[in-house]
Amino acid sequence: MGVRGLTTYINYNRDAILEQFYLHNTQLVIDGHSLCAQLYSSLNCFSAFGGDYDKYAMHVKNFFKNLRKCNVLPYVLFDGSYETRKLRTAYSRLSSKIYGASRLDPVTQGSLQIFPLLLRDVFIEVLAEIDVPYTVCEFEADDEIAALARHLNCPVLSYDSDFFIYNVLYIPFNTLEAKPQTLVENDNKVYALECKIFKIENLTDHFGGLNKEMMPLLATLLGNDFVEKRVFNKFFSQLKLPKSKKNQNEQQRCIHGLLKWLQTETLDSAIAKILGRLKKNKKHKVFAIIKKSVAAYNTTECESLKYFDVKIEERVNQPELEILEAFDGEESSSDSSNKEDNVSEDNSDVEAEDNERLGMPNWFADYIRQKRIPQCYINLYTHHLYFCSPQAEDYSDDDACLCALPLVRFAFDILTDFAHESFTIVCRQKNSNDKNYTRLQVGTEYSIPRPLEKSFTELCYDELFLYFNEFVKLKMQSLDFSEIELLPPNFKIFMISLLWWVKNCSVPLNHIHSLFICYIMLEVIDEKTGTFRGHYNFNNKYSKKLEELRKRPNTKLDNKEMELSLNKNKVQYEDCLVAASVLLKHFEIDDSIRKKPKTYDVKRMHSFAQFQYCLMHFNSLNKLCAEPFTCTRYSKSYNGTFVYNIALKLENQSDPENFVHQYLNGANTVLMFYRSLCFIYNRCAQKMDLITTKTIGKKHKRRKQNVKNEINFIVRGFESEVVI
């Protein structure tokens, strides 16, 4: 949800409302989507190059490592499907993201908050790796987060103003220090993270006489997912607001005026006065919305308890708020006769709560909780909608997501038992210079015949494996699975995705080799040398060792006899040092781009954006089909800046493989691993008749930006607008 302006208001009065807190020796309920976004925003990543996932994964690990150091046990909850009333917000945010991504380049990337495509998957990948418990809720997670925190009697960590309303202990992420400090507690040294914590009593004490039960009404009047603020325009026109102060806009004055007014009212008297300002035909509908909004902020139900191994000795149930049915039955006859005649133009701002929580099948809700439904496919089932995520790409070309449509269509067919003719994909318009999106109907032209006459819930693992294999067999004819089986487990889906990409898009050969080298760097070399990212520091540290290694007799690789060498454990440490000394500099923005930002190539970025979509959807389909292959670890296989720079390095090479052999001269076992990947790719490509293109032309002219840069989603601290 999010209450616009409330975080700013609390920050303005933070000394009176927020108190110092040391986070340690406690449980902690975490808003997963919020933390995922905030951790990325706090990291100096290069968004214009499509995601430095290895760097982000390390940042996430360090965060949870610090929590453990402070003896904090986290529970992470993620949002699931959009609720119907949230769809309008989803479309609005998509427009903003399209507008921002179209202006993304090495200069603007610091101010534009655009999240890479695989960011959330990397975050979840890290949680699974380090055994942090998490669950995905059926719908929006805020109610569940608040309820779980109440059951556990512990704080919530998020950056969403709704948690000022929920009557929970709330730590805003922007107040949390990054590094633990030592404290002395009962003569023992402990580690703690300093932060600020919100307690609703601090706010009610600040406004003497204010009852905490009034806070949900405050959120409703200011506008939330249930109702627009403008529905109460007449009420606000008669509300006495304080005089304007420096640094206070109209919304801040409005919040302050409401808090002062609510001091003198009870919940029922306040509701009666609010409804008294409305037209007769809207009173009953708005009253129902207020009841549901207030109830949502006070829910005690918590499905997540079943999915976390937590013991609750004593559960304190908060009494549910009772709102007098002051308007039930009153004027009902006169209202009903005028319903059609008195519909105002802003009726869409008052949306009745839908019944989708009751309507979602139990099996689908269970599959979401069991993490069997990829996040990107949840709305595909509940709303028959797929929202593309705008990336750094060429906006004069089709949306990069369209190359993966057959994969999305097959996932839709599996989930809906092949029962529907079409679904809607929402993506950006080609050649659009504004924030326009378009809705495309994806019909059966992308479908394959149903492999088995069984519903999805009846399919066993072997049958789900068959579904995946049948799709690849029909859509990627001549792909030899025996070749794929020779690859390392973490690279099989990667290679299948890469072959699909080449088959369906215009892909230069140098782009393929840049991906191979990136995988070797992240999966093989990093594991041997440690995760260094400073080229200068690395070469200083190992200068003597590298000098000795370069003096070794150089044994040339025999190109006549090919022996596959795909066991990363056989790659020698010394060879990894040699390779790292050459490759590490490519994790930074290339000097040519720093000096001439206009050389940033959106066509190259478009190609890699297409690959990321292929990789994401093959992994998602693999997960939906019970994982016949090991899922790709994105943080161990893709760094956008590195891939871009290597592709630039190989751009004018007619034989990239030969160039790489010269470039990494002396790192023989690394080169053997690389050559083996190339060999399998070449054999698959030959059997599938795949053809690569010449290097994509660069220097695509980008539209000049307005100096004032009136972008409404530049990082502003409005936490509730952070969406991945």
Foldseek 3Di string as FASTA:
>chain_A
DFQPPPVVLCVVVVVQFWDKDWDAQAEEEEALQQVLLVLVLVDPAQQLLFFLLLVSLVSLVLQVVQHVQRVYAYEYEYFFAEFPLCVVVVLVLLLLLLLLLLPRFRVCRNFGRADHDCSSVLSVVSCVVVVRHYFYALHGCPLQSLLVCQLRVHEYEGQGCLVLLLQHWYFDPVFWDRHWDWDQDPNDIGTTIMGIIGGNVSVCVVQDQADSLCSLVLSVCSDDSQFHVVQQVQVLVPQDWDDDDPPDDPSSRSSVSVRNVNSPDDPQVVLVSSLVRHDPLCSVLVVQSSLVSSCSSQDNDHPCVVVDPDDRPDRDRDDGDDHDPVCVPPCVVVNVVCNVVPDDPCPVRRDDRDPVVVVDDPVLSVCSRVVLAPRQCSCCASPVEGEDRRGLFDLQDPGLLVLCVLLNVLVSCQQVVNPDFWGWYWACDHPDNGSHIDIDTDGCVSPDDDPDNDHNVPDDLVRLVVSLVVSCCVVQPLQDVVLLVVADQQCSLVLSLVLSLLQRHAAAPLLVLLLLVLLCLQAQLCVLPPDDQDLVVLCVVCVVVLVVLVPDDFDDDDPPDADADRDSVPQDSSLSSLQCNLQSVQLDADPVCVVPVLQRFNNSSSSVSSSVSSLVSSLSSCSNSVNPTDRHNCSSRDGSSSSVSSSVVCQPPPDSLVVVCVSSGSSVSSNSNSVNVVVSSVVSCVSSVGDHDHRDDGSDDRDDDDPVNPSPNGDDSSSVSDGD
